[in-house]
Amino acid sequence: MIFEIFSQGNSLLHRTDTRVKIVGAMALTLVIALCQSYYTGLAGLLTGLSLLLVSRLKWRQVLMRLVVVNSFIAFLWLTLPLTYPGDTIGLGPINLSRQGIELVTLITIKTNGIILIFISLLATSTVAELGHGLEGLRLPTKLCLLLLFSYRYIFVVSQEYQRLARAAKLRCFRPGTNLHTYRTYGHLFGMTLVKSWNRAERVGQGMLLRGFHGRFYSLDEQIMAKGDLIFLIIILTTVIGLGGLEFLLT
């Protein structure tokens, strides 16, 4: 799948048990998201960078994703310093809020740290492995199946829409700001939903005929090894250290 480019590799994180990586990612994300100190946020960012080095991913592809995320944060830089209440800092004719600048800086640090952790720990596994890992953590089976089915068939729905869009273009459809365009796009989305429903019915019938009874089985069952336990202990120790640092600084 096109969204699994980071899952191809042979680093330590690629070989680590998916359940360990899920627990580690959730624990690190929670403590970083709740922190209010710059030092804790920077420590979380350094943790993400360290995990990225261990994962041995291509920096260019990681930077491209960071650019996308920080493009949304750029809107916060344009709004929070101007609208957040607090002490003002004069920048020519513009008055900026010092508390607003501090807040958006903290948000930027925490966001980039969390994204790096997610890329390093979760993106190094396939979606199928994440689904089975969530099931191994005793999450609801239906939730895991929903993740697997959604990822699998979102591409099928996209292909159906692209096929209908090509058919409309071959019939000389040119989008514009008129009622015909709005009506055509409404028909496109409607037919996409209808065809997706029909495909889902056929897939469901096919799975029942093949004996599906509500669970997927993996051919590569992961067994937690000693190295996985050591890695989990290191991650949890880091989480406790970040929590302790936050407690001391606040």
Protein backbone atom coordinates (compact mmCIF):
# COMPACT_ATOMS: atom_id res chain seq x y z
CA MET A 1 0.00 0.00 0.00
CA ILE A 2 1.15 3.55 -0.74
CA PHE A 3 0.99 4.67 2.88
CA GLU A 4 3.33 1.93 4.13
CA ILE A 5 6.63 3.14 2.71
CA PHE A 6 8.17 3.43 6.18
CA SER A 7 7.30 -0.18 7.06
CA GLN A 8 9.96 -1.52 4.68
CA GLY A 9 13.25 -1.83 6.52
CA ASN A 10 15.43 -3.95 8.75
CA SER A 11 16.14 -1.68 11.71
CA LEU A 12 15.62 -2.48 15.37
CA LEU A 13 12.23 -0.77 15.36
CA HIS A 14 11.11 -2.69 12.27
CA ARG A 15 11.83 -5.95 14.11
CA THR A 16 10.29 -4.91 17.42
CA ASP A 17 6.96 -6.45 18.43
CA THR A 18 4.09 -4.26 17.23
CA ARG A 19 2.33 -4.42 20.60
CA VAL A 20 5.40 -2.97 22.31
CA LYS A 21 5.57 -0.13 19.80
CA ILE A 22 1.87 0.68 20.20
CA VAL A 23 2.15 0.82 24.00
CA GLY A 24 5.33 2.89 23.79
CA ALA A 25 3.86 5.34 21.27
CA MET A 26 0.69 5.85 23.30
CA ALA A 27 2.58 6.36 26.57
CA LEU A 28 5.08 8.81 25.09
CA THR A 29 2.38 10.73 23.24
CA LEU A 30 0.27 11.07 26.37
CA VAL A 31 3.02 12.51 28.55
CA ILE A 32 4.26 14.88 25.80
CA ALA A 33 0.76 16.09 24.92
CA LEU A 34 -0.04 16.90 28.56
CA CYS A 35 3.24 18.64 29.40
CA GLN A 36 3.30 22.40 29.98
CA SER A 37 7.07 22.90 30.21
CA TYR A 38 9.41 23.76 27.36
CA TYR A 39 12.09 21.47 28.77
CA THR A 40 9.74 18.49 28.84
CA GLY A 41 8.58 19.27 25.30
CA LEU A 42 12.19 19.54 24.08
CA ALA A 43 13.03 16.27 25.85
CA GLY A 44 10.09 14.65 24.02
CA LEU A 45 11.33 16.09 20.72
CA LEU A 46 14.81 14.69 21.38
CA THR A 47 13.20 11.32 22.17
CA GLY A 48 11.43 11.40 18.81
CA LEU A 49 14.67 12.28 17.02
CA SER A 50 16.49 9.46 18.81
CA LEU A 51 13.83 6.95 17.78
CA LEU A 52 14.02 8.26 14.22
CA LEU A 53 17.77 7.59 14.19
CA VAL A 54 17.20 4.06 15.48
CA SER A 55 14.54 3.42 12.82
CA ARG A 56 16.98 4.42 10.05
CA LEU A 57 14.26 5.94 7.89
CA LYS A 58 14.96 8.24 4.96
CA TRP A 59 15.19 11.78 6.25
CA ARG A 60 13.81 13.32 3.06
CA GLN A 61 10.54 11.42 3.30
CA VAL A 62 10.22 12.24 7.00
CA LEU A 63 10.89 15.93 6.36
CA MET A 64 8.19 16.00 3.68
CA ARG A 65 5.64 14.83 6.24
CA LEU A 66 6.89 17.32 8.80
CA VAL A 67 6.43 20.09 6.25
CA VAL A 68 2.79 19.08 5.79
CA VAL A 69 2.17 19.06 9.55
CA ASN A 70 3.96 22.37 10.14
CA SER A 71 1.99 24.02 7.35
CA PHE A 72 -1.05 23.70 9.61
CA ILE A 73 0.91 24.98 12.61
CA ALA A 74 1.83 28.03 10.52
CA PHE A 75 -1.79 29.19 10.82
CA LEU A 76 -1.40 29.13 14.60
CA TRP A 77 1.69 31.32 14.28
CA LEU A 78 -0.39 33.79 12.28
CA THR A 79 -3.31 33.90 14.72
CA LEU A 80 -2.34 33.08 18.32
CA PRO A 81 0.30 35.83 18.80
CA LEU A 82 -2.25 38.37 17.56
CA THR A 83 -5.34 37.15 19.43
CA TYR A 84 -4.13 35.47 22.65
CA PRO A 85 -4.54 37.68 25.74
CA GLY A 86 -1.49 38.64 27.76
CA ASP A 87 1.52 40.96 27.78
CA THR A 88 2.06 42.69 24.47
CA ILE A 89 5.31 42.97 22.53
CA GLY A 90 5.53 45.78 20.00
CA LEU A 91 6.70 44.79 16.54
CA GLY A 92 6.36 48.02 14.61
CA PRO A 93 2.66 48.75 14.20
CA ILE A 94 1.73 45.21 15.30
CA ASN A 95 1.24 44.18 18.93
CA LEU A 96 2.01 40.54 19.66
CA SER A 97 1.07 38.58 22.76
CA ARG A 98 4.06 37.17 24.62
CA GLN A 99 1.92 34.38 26.08
CA GLY A 100 0.58 33.62 22.62
CA ILE A 101 4.10 33.27 21.21
CA GLU A 102 5.10 31.01 24.10
CA LEU A 103 1.99 28.86 23.63
CA VAL A 104 2.41 28.38 19.89
CA THR A 105 6.11 27.61 20.39
CA LEU A 106 5.23 24.89 22.89
CA ILE A 107 2.57 23.51 20.52
CA THR A 108 5.12 23.40 17.69
CA ILE A 109 7.67 21.53 19.79
CA LYS A 110 5.17 19.01 21.13
CA THR A 111 3.54 18.41 17.73
CA ASN A 112 6.82 17.69 15.97
CA GLY A 113 7.95 15.41 18.79
CA ILE A 114 4.71 13.41 18.69
CA ILE A 115 4.81 13.11 14.89
CA LEU A 116 8.39 11.83 14.99
CA ILE A 117 7.42 9.26 17.64
CA PHE A 118 4.45 8.08 15.60
CA ILE A 119 6.52 7.79 12.44
CA SER A 120 9.34 5.95 14.22
CA LEU A 121 7.20 3.53 16.22
CA LEU A 122 3.93 3.05 14.32
CA ALA A 123 4.82 3.75 10.69
CA THR A 124 7.56 1.10 10.84
CA SER A 125 4.77 -1.51 10.98
CA THR A 126 2.19 -2.25 8.32
CA VAL A 127 -1.46 -1.47 8.96
CA ALA A 128 -2.17 -5.21 9.09
CA GLU A 129 0.46 -5.61 11.82
CA LEU A 130 -1.02 -2.67 13.72
CA GLY A 131 -4.47 -4.24 13.52
CA HIS A 132 -3.22 -7.56 14.85
CA GLY A 133 -1.16 -5.73 17.47
CA LEU A 134 -4.24 -3.88 18.72
CA GLU A 135 -6.10 -7.17 18.86
CA GLY A 136 -3.18 -8.65 20.81
CA LEU A 137 -3.61 -5.83 23.33
CA ARG A 138 -7.19 -7.02 23.87
CA LEU A 139 -8.85 -4.11 22.12
CA PRO A 140 -12.34 -4.83 20.72
CA THR A 141 -12.13 -7.15 17.73
CA LYS A 142 -14.68 -5.11 15.78
CA LEU A 143 -12.55 -2.00 16.17
CA CYS A 144 -9.50 -3.83 14.80
CA LEU A 145 -11.51 -5.21 11.88
CA LEU A 146 -12.82 -1.72 11.15
CA LEU A 147 -9.25 -0.42 10.92
CA LEU A 148 -8.19 -3.23 8.57
CA PHE A 149 -11.25 -3.00 6.33
CA SER A 150 -11.15 0.79 6.16
CA TYR A 151 -7.53 0.82 5.09
CA ARG A 152 -8.05 -1.95 2.56
CA TYR A 153 -11.13 -0.59 0.84
CA ILE A 154 -10.53 3.14 0.94
CA PHE A 155 -8.35 2.58 -2.13
CA VAL A 156 -11.12 0.60 -3.81
CA VAL A 157 -13.57 3.47 -3.23
CA SER A 158 -11.00 5.92 -4.60
CA GLN A 159 -10.57 3.81 -7.74
CA GLU A 160 -14.35 3.71 -8.26
CA TYR A 161 -14.53 7.50 -8.01
CA GLN A 162 -11.60 7.96 -10.40
CA ARG A 163 -13.26 5.64 -12.92
CA LEU A 164 -16.51 7.62 -12.78
CA ALA A 165 -14.58 10.91 -13.05
CA ARG A 166 -12.75 9.65 -16.15
CA ALA A 167 -16.08 8.59 -17.67
CA ALA A 168 -17.44 12.10 -17.09
CA LYS A 169 -14.34 13.68 -18.63
CA LEU A 170 -14.62 11.44 -21.71
CA ARG A 171 -18.13 12.82 -22.12
CA CYS A 172 -16.62 16.31 -22.34
CA PHE A 173 -17.48 17.35 -18.78
CA ARG A 174 -15.68 20.53 -17.79
CA PRO A 175 -16.11 21.67 -14.17
CA GLY A 176 -17.17 25.22 -13.55
CA THR A 177 -19.21 27.38 -11.19
CA ASN A 178 -22.63 26.49 -12.51
CA LEU A 179 -25.59 24.30 -11.65
CA HIS A 180 -24.59 21.60 -14.16
CA THR A 181 -21.22 21.13 -12.41
CA TYR A 182 -22.81 20.89 -8.96
CA ARG A 183 -25.37 18.40 -10.23
CA THR A 184 -22.67 16.30 -11.94
CA TYR A 185 -20.49 16.15 -8.83
CA GLY A 186 -23.53 15.21 -6.77
CA HIS A 187 -24.19 12.32 -9.16
CA LEU A 188 -20.52 11.31 -8.98
CA PHE A 189 -20.51 11.13 -5.19
CA GLY A 190 -23.88 9.40 -5.15
CA MET A 191 -22.80 6.72 -7.63
CA THR A 192 -19.57 6.25 -5.68
CA LEU A 193 -21.56 5.52 -2.53
CA VAL A 194 -23.92 3.16 -4.39
CA LYS A 195 -21.06 1.25 -6.01
CA SER A 196 -19.21 1.09 -2.69
CA TRP A 197 -22.30 -0.36 -1.04
CA ASN A 198 -22.64 -2.98 -3.78
CA ARG A 199 -18.95 -3.87 -3.51
CA ALA A 200 -19.28 -4.21 0.27
CA GLU A 201 -22.23 -6.58 -0.16
CA ARG A 202 -20.29 -8.76 -2.61
CA VAL A 203 -17.19 -8.77 -0.40
CA GLY A 204 -19.27 -9.73 2.64
CA GLN A 205 -20.95 -12.58 0.80
CA GLY A 206 -17.61 -13.81 -0.52
CA MET A 207 -16.09 -13.81 2.96
CA LEU A 208 -19.04 -15.73 4.40
CA LEU A 209 -18.70 -18.32 1.65
CA ARG A 210 -15.04 -18.74 2.63
CA GLY A 211 -15.90 -19.39 6.26
CA PHE A 212 -15.17 -15.96 7.76
CA HIS A 213 -16.46 -15.82 11.33
CA GLY A 214 -15.30 -12.43 12.58
CA ARG A 215 -11.55 -12.76 12.92
CA PHE A 216 -8.46 -12.51 10.73
CA TYR A 217 -5.50 -14.81 11.31
CA SER A 218 -1.94 -13.70 10.67
CA LEU A 219 0.66 -16.01 9.13
CA ASP A 220 3.40 -14.13 11.01
CA GLU A 221 2.42 -14.38 14.65
CA GLN A 222 4.79 -12.24 16.68
CA ILE A 223 6.12 -13.60 19.96
CA MET A 224 7.47 -11.09 22.43
CA ALA A 225 11.16 -11.75 22.84
CA LYS A 226 13.64 -10.64 25.48
CA GLY A 227 14.76 -7.73 23.31
CA ASP A 228 11.17 -6.51 23.04
CA LEU A 229 10.80 -6.50 26.81
CA ILE A 230 14.06 -4.57 27.20
CA PHE A 231 12.88 -2.01 24.64
CA LEU A 232 9.54 -1.67 26.45
CA ILE A 233 11.33 -1.09 29.76
CA ILE A 234 13.49 1.62 28.13
CA ILE A 235 10.42 3.35 26.70
CA LEU A 236 8.51 3.21 29.98
CA THR A 237 11.57 4.49 31.85
CA THR A 238 11.71 7.40 29.40
CA VAL A 239 8.02 8.08 30.01
CA ILE A 240 8.57 8.11 33.78
CA GLY A 241 11.57 10.40 33.32
CA LEU A 242 9.56 12.85 31.20
CA GLY A 243 6.74 12.77 33.74
CA GLY A 244 9.17 13.37 36.59
CA LEU A 245 10.79 16.26 34.73
CA GLU A 246 7.38 17.84 34.15
CA PHE A 247 6.47 17.39 37.80
CA LEU A 248 9.68 19.11 38.94
CA LEU A 249 9.32 22.04 36.55
CA THR A 250 5.65 22.84 37.20
